[in-house]
C-alpha atoms as a PDB file:
ATOM      1  CA  MET A   1       0.000   0.000   0.000  1.00  0.00           C
ATOM      2  CA  GLU A   2       1.361   3.398  -1.024  1.00  0.00           C
ATOM      3  CA  THR A   3       1.730   6.099   1.641  1.00  0.00           C
ATOM      4  CA  LYS A   4       0.273   9.400   0.518  1.00  0.00           C
ATOM      5  CA  LYS A   5       2.059  12.662   1.361  1.00  0.00           C
ATOM      6  CA  CYS A   6       0.511  16.010   2.172  1.00  0.00           C
ATOM      7  CA  LEU A   7       0.647  18.370  -0.829  1.00  0.00           C
ATOM      8  CA  GLU A   8       1.621  21.261   1.463  1.00  0.00           C
ATOM      9  CA  CYS A   9       4.113  19.946   4.023  1.00  0.00           C
ATOM     10  CA  GLY A  10       4.957  16.424   2.815  1.00  0.00           C
ATOM     11  CA  ASP A  11       3.854  14.659   6.020  1.00  0.00           C
ATOM     12  CA  LYS A  12       1.996  11.350   5.908  1.00  0.00           C
ATOM     13  CA  VAL A  13      -1.719  11.632   5.112  1.00  0.00           C
ATOM     14  CA  VAL A  14      -3.996   9.418   7.192  1.00  0.00           C
ATOM     15  CA  GLY A  15      -7.683   8.875   6.469  1.00  0.00           C
ATOM     16  CA  ARG A  16      -9.812   8.671   3.364  1.00  0.00           C
ATOM     17  CA  ILE A  17      -8.234   7.369   0.186  1.00  0.00           C
ATOM     18  CA  ASP A  18      -8.850  10.670  -1.653  1.00  0.00           C
ATOM     19  CA  LYS A  19      -7.480  12.878   1.137  1.00  0.00           C
ATOM     20  CA  LYS A  20      -4.671  15.208  -0.031  1.00  0.00           C
ATOM     21  CA  PHE A  21      -3.653  17.098   3.120  1.00  0.00           C
ATOM     22  CA  CYS A  22      -2.654  16.101   6.631  1.00  0.00           C
ATOM     23  CA  SER A  23      -4.648  18.906   8.294  1.00  0.00           C
ATOM     24  CA  ASP A  24      -7.029  21.792   7.697  1.00  0.00           C
ATOM     25  CA  TYR A  25      -4.106  24.167   8.232  1.00  0.00           C
ATOM     26  CA  CYS A  26      -2.155  22.599   5.341  1.00  0.00           C
ATOM     27  CA  ARG A  27      -5.235  22.527   3.091  1.00  0.00           C
ATOM     28  CA  ASN A  28      -5.910  26.225   3.739  1.00  0.00           C
ATOM     29  CA  ALA A  29      -2.251  27.201   3.314  1.00  0.00           C
ATOM     30  CA  PHE A  30      -2.029  25.329  -0.003  1.00  0.00           C
ATOM     31  CA  ASN A  31      -5.258  26.826  -1.384  1.00  0.00           C
ATOM     32  CA  ASN A  32      -4.265  30.338  -0.260  1.00  0.00           C
ATOM     33  CA  LYS A  33      -1.008  30.030  -2.226  1.00  0.00           C
ATOM     34  CA  VAL A  34      -2.793  28.716  -5.313  1.00  0.00           C
ATOM     35  CA  ASN A  35      -5.453  31.452  -5.252  1.00  0.00           C
ATOM     36  CA  LYS A  36      -3.218  34.351  -4.189  1.00  0.00           C
ATOM     37  CA  GLU A  37      -3.051  36.093  -7.595  1.00  0.00           C
ATOM     38  CA  SER A  38      -6.787  36.024  -8.290  1.00  0.00           C
ATOM     39  CA  LYS A  39      -7.641  37.067  -4.724  1.00  0.00           C
ATOM     40  CA  ASN A  40      -5.305  40.078  -4.997  1.00  0.00           C
ATOM     41  CA  LEU A  41      -6.923  41.157  -8.264  1.00  0.00           C
ATOM     42  CA  ILE A  42     -10.405  40.897  -6.771  1.00  0.00           C
ATOM     43  CA  ARG A  43      -9.369  42.672  -3.561  1.00  0.00           C
ATOM     44  CA  ASN A  44      -7.721  45.544  -5.478  1.00  0.00           C
ATOM     45  CA  THR A  45     -10.690  45.917  -7.842  1.00  0.00           C
ATOM     46  CA  ASN A  46     -13.153  45.986  -4.941  1.00  0.00           C
ATOM     47  CA  ASN A  47     -11.015  48.589  -3.160  1.00  0.00           C
ATOM     48  CA  ARG A  48     -11.034  50.840  -6.251  1.00  0.00           C
ATOM     49  CA  LEU A  49     -14.821  50.427  -6.654  1.00  0.00           C
ATOM     50  CA  ARG A  50     -15.306  51.239  -2.964  1.00  0.00           C
ATOM     51  CA  LYS A  51     -13.163  54.390  -3.324  1.00  0.00           C
ATOM     52  CA  ASN A  52     -15.066  55.506  -6.453  1.00  0.00           C
ATOM     53  CA  TYR A  53     -18.403  54.915  -4.717  1.00  0.00           C
ATOM     54  CA  LYS A  54     -17.271  56.945  -1.714  1.00  0.00           C
ATOM     55  CA  VAL A  55     -16.156  59.846  -3.935  1.00  0.00           C
ATOM     56  CA  LEU A  56     -19.445  59.909  -5.881  1.00  0.00           C
ATOM     57  CA  THR A  57     -21.495  59.687  -2.677  1.00  0.00           C
ATOM     58  CA  GLU A  58     -19.574  62.527  -1.012  1.00  0.00           C
ATOM     59  CA  LEU A  59     -19.863  64.825  -4.035  1.00  0.00           C
ATOM     60  CA  ASN A  60     -23.488  64.017  -4.906  1.00  0.00           C
ATOM     61  CA  THR A  61     -25.431  64.845  -1.755  1.00  0.00           C
ATOM     62  CA  THR A  62     -28.634  65.967  -3.515  1.00  0.00           C
ATOM     63  CA  GLY A  63     -29.095  63.107  -5.995  1.00  0.00           C
ATOM     64  CA  LYS A  64     -28.160  65.246  -9.010  1.00  0.00           C
ATOM     65  CA  THR A  65     -25.043  67.443  -9.100  1.00  0.00           C
ATOM     66  CA  LYS A  66     -22.764  68.990 -11.697  1.00  0.00           C
ATOM     67  CA  ILE A  67     -19.031  68.734 -11.043  1.00  0.00           C
ATOM     68  CA  THR A  68     -15.737  69.186 -12.866  1.00  0.00           C
ATOM     69  CA  ARG A  69     -13.474  66.359 -13.971  1.00  0.00           C
ATOM     70  CA  ARG A  70     -10.642  67.961 -11.957  1.00  0.00           C
ATOM     71  CA  LYS A  71     -12.658  67.737  -8.730  1.00  0.00           C
ATOM     72  CA  LEU A  72     -13.287  64.021  -9.323  1.00  0.00           C
ATOM     73  CA  PHE A  73      -9.570  63.428 -10.005  1.00  0.00           C
ATOM     74  CA  ASP A  74      -8.542  65.450  -6.955  1.00  0.00           C
ATOM     75  CA  LYS A  75     -10.736  63.231  -4.764  1.00  0.00           C
ATOM     76  CA  GLY A  76      -9.059  60.117  -6.229  1.00  0.00           C
ATOM     77  CA  PHE A  77     -11.788  58.965  -8.608  1.00  0.00           C
ATOM     78  CA  ASP A  78     -10.627  56.385 -11.184  1.00  0.00           C
ATOM     79  CA  PHE A  79     -12.730  56.376 -14.374  1.00  0.00           C
ATOM     80  CA  LYS A  80     -11.590  52.823 -15.275  1.00  0.00           C
ATOM     81  CA  PHE A  81     -13.569  51.228 -12.430  1.00  0.00           C
ATOM     82  CA  ILE A  82     -17.347  51.076 -12.883  1.00  0.00           C
ATOM     83  CA  THR A  83     -19.991  48.424 -12.314  1.00  0.00           C
ATOM     84  CA  SER A  84     -22.400  49.132 -15.185  1.00  0.00           C
ATOM     85  CA  ILE A  85     -23.202  51.309 -18.193  1.00  0.00           C
ATOM     86  CA  TYR A  86     -26.649  52.579 -19.145  1.00  0.00           C
ATOM     87  CA  THR A  87     -27.427  54.197 -22.510  1.00  0.00           C
ATOM     88  CA  THR A  88     -30.673  56.145 -22.787  1.00  0.00           C
ATOM     89  CA  LYS A  89     -32.969  56.201 -25.817  1.00  0.00           C
ATOM     90  CA  THR A  90     -31.524  59.612 -26.693  1.00  0.00           C
ATOM     91  CA  GLY A  91     -27.985  58.196 -26.741  1.00  0.00           C
ATOM     92  CA  ASN A  92     -26.666  59.527 -23.434  1.00  0.00           C
ATOM     93  CA  THR A  93     -24.330  57.069 -21.715  1.00  0.00           C
ATOM     94  CA  TYR A  94     -24.319  56.923 -17.919  1.00  0.00           C
ATOM     95  CA  PHE A  95     -21.556  55.104 -16.079  1.00  0.00           C
ATOM     96  CA  TYR A  96     -22.431  53.621 -12.698  1.00  0.00           C
ATOM     97  CA  VAL A  97     -20.643  52.479  -9.582  1.00  0.00           C
ATOM     98  CA  TYR A  98     -23.490  50.540  -7.981  1.00  0.00           C
ATOM     99  CA  ASP A  99     -26.294  53.129  -7.612  1.00  0.00           C
ATOM    100  CA  GLN A 100     -24.099  56.226  -8.076  1.00  0.00           C
ATOM    101  CA  GLY A 101     -23.630  57.325 -11.670  1.00  0.00           C
ATOM    102  CA  TYR A 102     -22.188  60.030 -13.858  1.00  0.00           C
ATOM    103  CA  LEU A 103     -22.777  61.436 -17.328  1.00  0.00           C
ATOM    104  CA  GLU A 104     -20.020  63.222 -19.214  1.00  0.00           C
ATOM    105  CA  LEU A 105     -21.113  66.701 -20.293  1.00  0.00           C
ATOM    106  CA  GLU A 106     -19.292  69.422 -22.257  1.00  0.00           C
ATOM    107  CA  ASN A 107     -16.155  71.266 -21.106  1.00  0.00           C
ATOM    108  CA  GLU A 108     -14.973  68.493 -18.753  1.00  0.00           C
ATOM    109  CA  MET A 109     -18.118  68.726 -16.649  1.00  0.00           C
ATOM    110  CA  TYR A 110     -19.990  65.729 -15.276  1.00  0.00           C
ATOM    111  CA  LEU A 111     -23.517  65.252 -14.066  1.00  0.00           C
ATOM    112  CA  LEU A 112     -23.592  63.013 -10.984  1.00  0.00           C
ATOM    113  CA  VAL A 113     -26.817  61.084 -10.425  1.00  0.00           C
ATOM    114  CA  LYS A 114     -28.172  58.606  -7.910  1.00  0.00           C
ATOM    115  CA  GLN A 115     -30.289  55.732  -9.193  1.00  0.00           C
ATOM    116  CA  ASP A 116     -33.582  55.198  -7.326  1.00  0.00           C
END
């Protein structure tokens, strides 16, 4: 009978025939290493979305506000991170971060809106 070794630490694995790790600690450590890259990407993306949402919420206290592009940049807003896009029948394109959105106007102005 072949002795199985833990994929994380190399110790002997005792138990079920399909068991791959000697303990929960080793299983978690192994899976954390394997998933590290994708978890970092997700964490960083969520952090940027959270920051954008906070900026839009702070600047749009009335539900509809006009603001300059510079003011958004100064607050740390990143235009690459949105959650959805909505195009109206008239062709206006709103970009949303959850329920907070913006519409690009002329002269580097933006209309901030809150979805009901």
